[in-house]
Amino acid sequence: MNTGAISKRYAKALLELSRESGRGERDYAQAVALLKHPEVKPKALEEDLAALVTLLMRNGRMPYVKFILQSFVDLYRAAHGIVEVRLTMASPSPGLEEKLRKTLADSLDAEILFSSKVDPDLIGGFVLEVDDKMLNASAKSQLDKIRRKLDELNKRIV
């Protein structure tokens, strides 16, 4: 059976259970924490997550738990209008961060989970990821495009 189909099915069931129980926010927070730091064992699982684990063990689906939790987090975010934004910059730029944060909040009309980091390998510019979309405005990507075009031209000449 398909990992994606299994994950989505259990994640939808968990989302529905957490809605009905009114513990969705706590379930979401713990699922995010488990995915972010899988080596840290929680003192106790939220009731809905404990029920999920019991069901997965009974059905022999424990190998899918990471995929199920990720699907649950994605479904929860979609249902609650939460958008994850990751910004990678060549050098720190608080002005760019603030401008992008404001522009995205206005245009997406959603709660923004914003994270940023610095990667000097980009040489200049930035890479912006909004959920599963990416805008690569880095000098490194532009240089890579030029290099590929030159390689292509050189192959035609030879």
N, C-alpha and C. Protein backbone atom coordinates (compact mmCIF):
# COMPACT_ATOMS: atom_id res chain seq x y z
N MET A 1 0.84 -1.19 0.00
CA MET A 1 0.00 0.00 0.00
C MET A 1 0.88 1.25 0.00
N ASN A 2 0.37 2.32 -0.52
CA ASN A 2 1.07 3.59 -0.67
C ASN A 2 1.26 4.29 0.67
N THR A 3 2.51 4.69 0.97
CA THR A 3 2.81 5.39 2.23
C THR A 3 2.01 6.67 2.35
N GLY A 4 1.90 7.42 1.25
CA GLY A 4 1.16 8.69 1.26
C GLY A 4 -0.31 8.48 1.58
N ALA A 5 -0.90 7.45 0.99
CA ALA A 5 -2.33 7.18 1.22
C ALA A 5 -2.57 6.77 2.67
N ILE A 6 -1.70 5.92 3.18
CA ILE A 6 -1.83 5.48 4.58
C ILE A 6 -1.67 6.68 5.51
N SER A 7 -0.65 7.47 5.27
CA SER A 7 -0.39 8.63 6.13
C SER A 7 -1.55 9.59 6.12
N LYS A 8 -2.07 9.89 4.93
CA LYS A 8 -3.16 10.85 4.80
C LYS A 8 -4.42 10.34 5.50
N ARG A 9 -4.70 9.05 5.36
CA ARG A 9 -5.91 8.48 5.96
C ARG A 9 -5.87 8.58 7.49
N TYR A 10 -4.76 8.19 8.10
CA TYR A 10 -4.64 8.27 9.56
C TYR A 10 -4.58 9.72 10.02
N ALA A 11 -3.92 10.58 9.25
CA ALA A 11 -3.82 12.00 9.62
C ALA A 11 -5.20 12.66 9.60
N LYS A 12 -6.01 12.34 8.60
CA LYS A 12 -7.37 12.90 8.54
C LYS A 12 -8.19 12.43 9.74
N ALA A 13 -8.02 11.16 10.10
CA ALA A 13 -8.75 10.64 11.26
C ALA A 13 -8.30 11.34 12.54
N LEU A 14 -7.00 11.56 12.68
CA LEU A 14 -6.48 12.26 13.86
C LEU A 14 -6.97 13.70 13.90
N LEU A 15 -7.01 14.36 12.74
CA LEU A 15 -7.50 15.73 12.68
C LEU A 15 -8.97 15.79 13.10
N GLU A 16 -9.75 14.87 12.62
CA GLU A 16 -11.17 14.82 12.99
C GLU A 16 -11.34 14.54 14.48
N LEU A 17 -10.57 13.60 15.02
CA LEU A 17 -10.63 13.29 16.45
C LEU A 17 -10.24 14.51 17.28
N SER A 18 -9.20 15.20 16.87
CA SER A 18 -8.75 16.36 17.64
C SER A 18 -9.75 17.51 17.57
N ARG A 19 -10.46 17.64 16.44
CA ARG A 19 -11.54 18.63 16.34
C ARG A 19 -12.66 18.30 17.30
N GLU A 20 -13.08 17.05 17.27
CA GLU A 20 -14.20 16.62 18.12
C GLU A 20 -13.87 16.73 19.61
N SER A 21 -12.63 16.42 19.96
CA SER A 21 -12.23 16.45 21.37
C SER A 21 -11.89 17.86 21.85
N GLY A 22 -11.67 18.78 20.90
CA GLY A 22 -11.30 20.14 21.28
C GLY A 22 -9.85 20.27 21.69
N ARG A 23 -9.04 19.25 21.40
CA ARG A 23 -7.63 19.27 21.79
C ARG A 23 -6.70 19.45 20.59
N GLY A 24 -7.24 19.99 19.51
CA GLY A 24 -6.47 20.13 18.27
C GLY A 24 -5.19 20.92 18.42
N GLU A 25 -5.28 22.04 19.13
CA GLU A 25 -4.10 22.90 19.29
C GLU A 25 -2.99 22.18 20.05
N ARG A 26 -3.36 21.46 21.10
CA ARG A 26 -2.36 20.72 21.89
C ARG A 26 -1.79 19.56 21.07
N ASP A 27 -2.66 18.86 20.34
CA ASP A 27 -2.19 17.76 19.49
C ASP A 27 -1.22 18.27 18.44
N TYR A 28 -1.57 19.40 17.83
CA TYR A 28 -0.71 20.01 16.81
C TYR A 28 0.64 20.39 17.41
N ALA A 29 0.62 21.06 18.55
CA ALA A 29 1.87 21.50 19.19
C ALA A 29 2.77 20.31 19.52
N GLN A 30 2.17 19.24 20.03
CA GLN A 30 3.00 18.08 20.37
C GLN A 30 3.50 17.37 19.11
N ALA A 31 2.69 17.30 18.07
CA ALA A 31 3.12 16.68 16.82
C ALA A 31 4.30 17.46 16.22
N VAL A 32 4.22 18.79 16.24
CA VAL A 32 5.31 19.62 15.73
C VAL A 32 6.58 19.38 16.56
N ALA A 33 6.43 19.33 17.88
CA ALA A 33 7.58 19.09 18.75
C ALA A 33 8.20 17.72 18.50
N LEU A 34 7.38 16.71 18.32
CA LEU A 34 7.89 15.36 18.05
C LEU A 34 8.63 15.29 16.72
N LEU A 35 8.12 16.00 15.72
CA LEU A 35 8.78 16.00 14.42
C LEU A 35 10.08 16.80 14.44
N LYS A 36 10.07 17.89 15.18
CA LYS A 36 11.24 18.76 15.24
C LYS A 36 12.37 18.13 16.05
N HIS A 37 12.02 17.47 17.15
CA HIS A 37 13.02 16.86 18.04
C HIS A 37 12.61 15.41 18.36
N PRO A 38 12.78 14.49 17.42
CA PRO A 38 12.34 13.11 17.66
C PRO A 38 13.13 12.40 18.75
N GLU A 39 14.32 12.92 19.07
CA GLU A 39 15.13 12.28 20.10
C GLU A 39 14.63 12.60 21.51
N VAL A 40 13.82 13.64 21.66
CA VAL A 40 13.30 14.05 22.97
C VAL A 40 11.98 13.32 23.21
N LYS A 41 11.95 12.52 24.26
CA LYS A 41 10.75 11.76 24.60
C LYS A 41 9.84 12.62 25.49
N PRO A 42 8.58 12.78 25.10
CA PRO A 42 7.67 13.55 25.95
C PRO A 42 7.32 12.76 27.20
N LYS A 43 7.00 13.49 28.28
CA LYS A 43 6.61 12.81 29.51
C LYS A 43 5.36 11.98 29.29
N ALA A 44 4.42 12.56 28.55
CA ALA A 44 3.19 11.85 28.22
C ALA A 44 2.67 12.36 26.89
N LEU A 45 2.10 11.46 26.11
CA LEU A 45 1.49 11.87 24.86
C LEU A 45 0.12 12.49 25.14
N GLU A 46 -0.27 13.43 24.30
CA GLU A 46 -1.63 13.94 24.37
C GLU A 46 -2.58 12.76 24.15
N GLU A 47 -3.75 12.86 24.71
CA GLU A 47 -4.71 11.74 24.67
C GLU A 47 -5.00 11.27 23.24
N ASP A 48 -5.20 12.21 22.33
CA ASP A 48 -5.50 11.84 20.94
C ASP A 48 -4.31 11.17 20.25
N LEU A 49 -3.11 11.67 20.54
CA LEU A 49 -1.91 11.05 19.96
C LEU A 49 -1.67 9.67 20.55
N ALA A 50 -1.97 9.50 21.82
CA ALA A 50 -1.84 8.18 22.45
C ALA A 50 -2.82 7.20 21.81
N ALA A 51 -4.03 7.66 21.51
CA ALA A 51 -5.02 6.80 20.84
C ALA A 51 -4.52 6.43 19.44
N LEU A 52 -3.90 7.38 18.76
CA LEU A 52 -3.34 7.11 17.43
C LEU A 52 -2.26 6.04 17.51
N VAL A 53 -1.35 6.18 18.46
CA VAL A 53 -0.26 5.21 18.61
C VAL A 53 -0.81 3.82 18.91
N THR A 54 -1.81 3.75 19.76
CA THR A 54 -2.45 2.46 20.07
C THR A 54 -3.02 1.83 18.81
N LEU A 55 -3.72 2.64 18.01
CA LEU A 55 -4.30 2.15 16.77
C LEU A 55 -3.23 1.70 15.78
N LEU A 56 -2.16 2.48 15.69
CA LEU A 56 -1.08 2.12 14.77
C LEU A 56 -0.40 0.82 15.18
N MET A 57 -0.20 0.64 16.48
CA MET A 57 0.41 -0.61 16.96
C MET A 57 -0.50 -1.79 16.66
N ARG A 58 -1.77 -1.62 16.90
CA ARG A 58 -2.72 -2.70 16.67
C ARG A 58 -2.78 -3.08 15.18
N ASN A 59 -2.65 -2.09 14.29
CA ASN A 59 -2.75 -2.34 12.85
C ASN A 59 -1.40 -2.56 12.17
N GLY A 60 -0.31 -2.59 12.97
CA GLY A 60 1.01 -2.82 12.40
C GLY A 60 1.49 -1.67 11.52
N ARG A 61 1.11 -0.45 11.87
CA ARG A 61 1.45 0.72 11.05
C ARG A 61 2.44 1.67 11.72
N MET A 62 3.12 1.25 12.76
CA MET A 62 4.06 2.13 13.46
C MET A 62 5.19 2.67 12.57
N PRO A 63 5.64 1.92 11.55
CA PRO A 63 6.69 2.50 10.69
C PRO A 63 6.25 3.79 9.98
N TYR A 64 4.95 4.04 9.91
CA TYR A 64 4.43 5.21 9.21
C TYR A 64 4.20 6.41 10.13
N VAL A 65 4.52 6.29 11.40
CA VAL A 65 4.14 7.32 12.37
C VAL A 65 4.71 8.70 12.00
N LYS A 66 5.94 8.77 11.55
CA LYS A 66 6.53 10.07 11.19
C LYS A 66 5.76 10.70 10.03
N PHE A 67 5.43 9.91 9.02
CA PHE A 67 4.70 10.41 7.86
C PHE A 67 3.28 10.85 8.25
N ILE A 68 2.67 10.09 9.15
CA ILE A 68 1.32 10.41 9.61
C ILE A 68 1.32 11.73 10.38
N LEU A 69 2.30 11.90 11.27
CA LEU A 69 2.38 13.15 12.02
C LEU A 69 2.63 14.33 11.10
N GLN A 70 3.50 14.17 10.09
CA GLN A 70 3.75 15.26 9.15
C GLN A 70 2.49 15.59 8.36
N SER A 71 1.76 14.58 7.94
CA SER A 71 0.50 14.81 7.22
C SER A 71 -0.51 15.51 8.12
N PHE A 72 -0.58 15.11 9.39
CA PHE A 72 -1.48 15.76 10.34
C PHE A 72 -1.13 17.24 10.49
N VAL A 73 0.16 17.54 10.65
CA VAL A 73 0.61 18.93 10.79
C VAL A 73 0.22 19.72 9.54
N ASP A 74 0.45 19.16 8.36
CA ASP A 74 0.09 19.84 7.11
C ASP A 74 -1.41 20.09 7.01
N LEU A 75 -2.21 19.08 7.35
CA LEU A 75 -3.67 19.22 7.30
C LEU A 75 -4.16 20.25 8.32
N TYR A 76 -3.57 20.23 9.53
CA TYR A 76 -3.97 21.18 10.57
C TYR A 76 -3.67 22.60 10.12
N ARG A 77 -2.48 22.79 9.55
CA ARG A 77 -2.11 24.13 9.08
C ARG A 77 -3.04 24.60 7.98
N ALA A 78 -3.36 23.73 7.05
CA ALA A 78 -4.27 24.10 5.96
C ALA A 78 -5.65 24.45 6.50
N ALA A 79 -6.13 23.68 7.46
CA ALA A 79 -7.46 23.90 8.04
C ALA A 79 -7.53 25.19 8.86
N HIS A 80 -6.41 25.61 9.42
CA HIS A 80 -6.40 26.78 10.30
C HIS A 80 -5.70 27.99 9.68
N GLY A 81 -5.41 27.95 8.38
CA GLY A 81 -4.83 29.09 7.69
C GLY A 81 -3.45 29.46 8.20
N ILE A 82 -2.62 28.46 8.44
CA ILE A 82 -1.26 28.69 8.90
C ILE A 82 -0.30 28.38 7.75
N VAL A 83 0.58 29.32 7.44
CA VAL A 83 1.52 29.15 6.33
C VAL A 83 2.94 29.20 6.88
N GLU A 84 3.74 28.21 6.51
CA GLU A 84 5.13 28.16 6.94
C GLU A 84 6.00 28.85 5.90
N VAL A 85 6.82 29.80 6.36
CA VAL A 85 7.72 30.55 5.48
C VAL A 85 9.14 30.41 6.00
N ARG A 86 10.05 30.01 5.09
CA ARG A 86 11.46 29.89 5.45
C ARG A 86 12.27 30.81 4.54
N LEU A 87 13.10 31.63 5.16
CA LEU A 87 13.93 32.57 4.41
C LEU A 87 15.39 32.23 4.69
N THR A 88 16.16 32.03 3.63
CA THR A 88 17.59 31.80 3.75
C THR A 88 18.28 32.95 3.03
N MET A 89 19.15 33.65 3.76
CA MET A 89 19.83 34.83 3.21
C MET A 89 21.33 34.60 3.18
N ALA A 90 22.00 35.31 2.29
CA ALA A 90 23.46 35.22 2.21
C ALA A 90 24.10 35.92 3.39
N SER A 91 23.47 36.98 3.86
CA SER A 91 23.97 37.71 5.04
C SER A 91 22.75 38.25 5.79
N PRO A 92 22.89 38.52 7.08
CA PRO A 92 21.75 39.00 7.86
C PRO A 92 21.18 40.30 7.28
N SER A 93 19.86 40.36 7.18
CA SER A 93 19.20 41.54 6.64
C SER A 93 17.84 41.71 7.32
N PRO A 94 17.83 42.35 8.49
CA PRO A 94 16.57 42.54 9.20
C PRO A 94 15.53 43.31 8.38
N GLY A 95 15.98 44.24 7.53
CA GLY A 95 15.05 45.01 6.70
C GLY A 95 14.33 44.11 5.71
N LEU A 96 15.07 43.22 5.05
CA LEU A 96 14.47 42.28 4.10
C LEU A 96 13.50 41.36 4.81
N GLU A 97 13.92 40.85 5.95
CA GLU A 97 13.05 39.96 6.73
C GLU A 97 11.72 40.62 7.05
N GLU A 98 11.78 41.83 7.57
CA GLU A 98 10.57 42.53 7.98
C GLU A 98 9.68 42.86 6.78
N LYS A 99 10.30 43.27 5.68
CA LYS A 99 9.52 43.59 4.48
C LYS A 99 8.82 42.35 3.93
N LEU A 100 9.53 41.24 3.86
CA LEU A 100 8.93 39.99 3.37
C LEU A 100 7.83 39.51 4.31
N ARG A 101 8.08 39.61 5.59
CA ARG A 101 7.08 39.18 6.59
C ARG A 101 5.79 39.97 6.41
N LYS A 102 5.91 41.30 6.28
CA LYS A 102 4.74 42.16 6.14
C LYS A 102 4.02 41.90 4.81
N THR A 103 4.78 41.81 3.72
CA THR A 103 4.20 41.57 2.40
C THR A 103 3.46 40.25 2.35
N LEU A 104 4.06 39.20 2.90
CA LEU A 104 3.42 37.89 2.89
C LEU A 104 2.18 37.86 3.77
N ALA A 105 2.25 38.48 4.94
CA ALA A 105 1.09 38.50 5.83
C ALA A 105 -0.08 39.22 5.17
N ASP A 106 0.21 40.31 4.46
CA ASP A 106 -0.86 41.06 3.77
C ASP A 106 -1.43 40.28 2.59
N SER A 107 -0.56 39.67 1.78
CA SER A 107 -1.02 39.01 0.56
C SER A 107 -1.63 37.63 0.81
N LEU A 108 -1.15 36.92 1.80
CA LEU A 108 -1.66 35.56 2.04
C LEU A 108 -2.86 35.54 2.97
N ASP A 109 -3.05 36.60 3.74
CA ASP A 109 -4.14 36.66 4.70
C ASP A 109 -4.19 35.39 5.55
N ALA A 110 -3.04 35.08 6.14
CA ALA A 110 -2.92 33.87 6.95
C ALA A 110 -1.95 34.13 8.09
N GLU A 111 -1.97 33.22 9.06
CA GLU A 111 -0.97 33.28 10.12
C GLU A 111 0.33 32.76 9.54
N ILE A 112 1.40 33.51 9.72
CA ILE A 112 2.70 33.17 9.13
C ILE A 112 3.62 32.60 10.21
N LEU A 113 4.16 31.40 9.96
CA LEU A 113 5.22 30.83 10.80
C LEU A 113 6.52 31.13 10.07
N PHE A 114 7.22 32.14 10.51
CA PHE A 114 8.39 32.65 9.79
C PHE A 114 9.67 32.20 10.46
N SER A 115 10.58 31.63 9.68
CA SER A 115 11.90 31.29 10.21
C SER A 115 12.93 31.76 9.19
N SER A 116 14.09 32.15 9.69
CA SER A 116 15.13 32.61 8.77
C SER A 116 16.48 32.09 9.25
N LYS A 117 17.38 31.98 8.29
CA LYS A 117 18.75 31.57 8.60
C LYS A 117 19.69 32.20 7.59
N VAL A 118 20.96 32.20 7.92
CA VAL A 118 21.99 32.77 7.05
C VAL A 118 22.82 31.63 6.47
N ASP A 119 23.04 31.68 5.16
CA ASP A 119 23.88 30.71 4.47
C ASP A 119 24.81 31.47 3.52
N PRO A 120 26.06 31.68 3.95
CA PRO A 120 27.00 32.45 3.12
C PRO A 120 27.27 31.82 1.75
N ASP A 121 26.98 30.52 1.60
CA ASP A 121 27.19 29.85 0.31
C ASP A 121 26.30 30.43 -0.80
N LEU A 122 25.25 31.16 -0.42
CA LEU A 122 24.38 31.76 -1.43
C LEU A 122 25.06 32.91 -2.16
N ILE A 123 26.14 33.40 -1.62
CA ILE A 123 26.96 34.50 -2.15
C ILE A 123 26.23 35.84 -2.00
N GLY A 124 25.01 35.92 -2.45
CA GLY A 124 24.20 37.12 -2.34
C GLY A 124 22.75 36.76 -2.57
N GLY A 125 21.84 37.65 -2.21
CA GLY A 125 20.43 37.39 -2.43
C GLY A 125 19.81 36.53 -1.35
N PHE A 126 18.73 35.81 -1.72
CA PHE A 126 18.00 35.00 -0.74
C PHE A 126 17.22 33.89 -1.43
N VAL A 127 16.77 32.94 -0.63
CA VAL A 127 15.87 31.87 -1.07
C VAL A 127 14.67 31.94 -0.14
N LEU A 128 13.48 32.07 -0.72
CA LEU A 128 12.24 32.16 0.05
C LEU A 128 11.39 30.94 -0.25
N GLU A 129 11.01 30.21 0.79
CA GLU A 129 10.14 29.04 0.64
C GLU A 129 8.84 29.32 1.38
N VAL A 130 7.73 29.23 0.66
CA VAL A 130 6.41 29.43 1.24
C VAL A 130 5.67 28.11 1.02
N ASP A 131 5.46 27.39 2.14
CA ASP A 131 4.92 26.04 2.08
C ASP A 131 5.75 25.22 1.09
N ASP A 132 5.19 24.82 -0.04
CA ASP A 132 5.94 23.98 -0.97
C ASP A 132 6.40 24.73 -2.22
N LYS A 133 6.33 26.06 -2.18
CA LYS A 133 6.80 26.87 -3.30
C LYS A 133 8.11 27.55 -2.93
N MET A 134 8.98 27.75 -3.94
CA MET A 134 10.29 28.33 -3.65
C MET A 134 10.63 29.41 -4.67
N LEU A 135 11.14 30.52 -4.15
CA LEU A 135 11.68 31.59 -4.98
C LEU A 135 13.17 31.67 -4.67
N ASN A 136 13.99 31.35 -5.66
CA ASN A 136 15.44 31.36 -5.47
C ASN A 136 16.00 32.60 -6.14
N ALA A 137 16.26 33.63 -5.34
CA ALA A 137 16.81 34.89 -5.84
C ALA A 137 18.24 35.05 -5.35
N SER A 138 18.99 33.96 -5.36
CA SER A 138 20.36 34.01 -4.85
C SER A 138 21.35 34.16 -6.01
N ALA A 139 22.47 34.75 -5.71
CA ALA A 139 23.54 34.90 -6.70
C ALA A 139 24.06 33.52 -7.11
N LYS A 140 24.10 32.61 -6.17
CA LYS A 140 24.59 31.26 -6.47
C LYS A 140 23.74 30.60 -7.56
N SER A 141 22.41 30.72 -7.45
CA SER A 141 21.55 30.08 -8.46
C SER A 141 21.73 30.75 -9.82
N GLN A 142 21.92 32.07 -9.84
CA GLN A 142 22.14 32.78 -11.10
C GLN A 142 23.47 32.33 -11.73
N LEU A 143 24.50 32.21 -10.91
CA LEU A 143 25.80 31.74 -11.42
C LEU A 143 25.71 30.31 -11.93
N ASP A 144 24.93 29.46 -11.24
CA ASP A 144 24.72 28.08 -11.70
C ASP A 144 24.04 28.05 -13.06
N LYS A 145 23.05 28.93 -13.27
CA LYS A 145 22.37 29.00 -14.57
C LYS A 145 23.34 29.40 -15.67
N ILE A 146 24.17 30.41 -15.39
CA ILE A 146 25.16 30.86 -16.37
C ILE A 146 26.14 29.74 -16.67
N ARG A 147 26.60 29.03 -15.64
CA ARG A 147 27.54 27.92 -15.83
C ARG A 147 26.93 26.84 -16.71
N ARG A 148 25.67 26.50 -16.48
CA ARG A 148 25.00 25.47 -17.29
C ARG A 148 24.88 25.91 -18.75
N LYS A 149 24.54 27.19 -18.97
CA LYS A 149 24.44 27.69 -20.34
C LYS A 149 25.79 27.65 -21.04
N LEU A 150 26.85 28.05 -20.33
CA LEU A 150 28.18 28.00 -20.92
C LEU A 150 28.61 26.57 -21.24
N ASP A 151 28.29 25.65 -20.34
CA ASP A 151 28.61 24.24 -20.60
C ASP A 151 27.87 23.75 -21.84
N GLU A 152 26.62 24.14 -21.97
CA GLU A 152 25.81 23.74 -23.11
C GLU A 152 26.39 24.30 -24.41
N LEU A 153 26.78 25.58 -24.39
CA LEU A 153 27.39 26.19 -25.56
C LEU A 153 28.71 25.54 -25.92
N ASN A 154 29.52 25.22 -24.90
CA ASN A 154 30.81 24.56 -25.15
C ASN A 154 30.63 23.19 -25.78
N LYS A 155 29.59 22.47 -25.41
CA LYS A 155 29.35 21.15 -25.98
C LYS A 155 28.98 21.27 -27.47
N ARG A 156 28.29 22.35 -27.82
CA ARG A 156 27.91 22.54 -29.23
C ARG A 156 29.12 22.90 -30.09
N ILE A 157 30.04 23.64 -29.51
CA ILE A 157 31.23 24.08 -30.24
C ILE A 157 32.16 22.91 -30.50
N VAL A 158 32.34 22.05 -29.54
CA VAL A 158 33.28 20.93 -29.64
C VAL A 158 32.74 19.82 -30.46
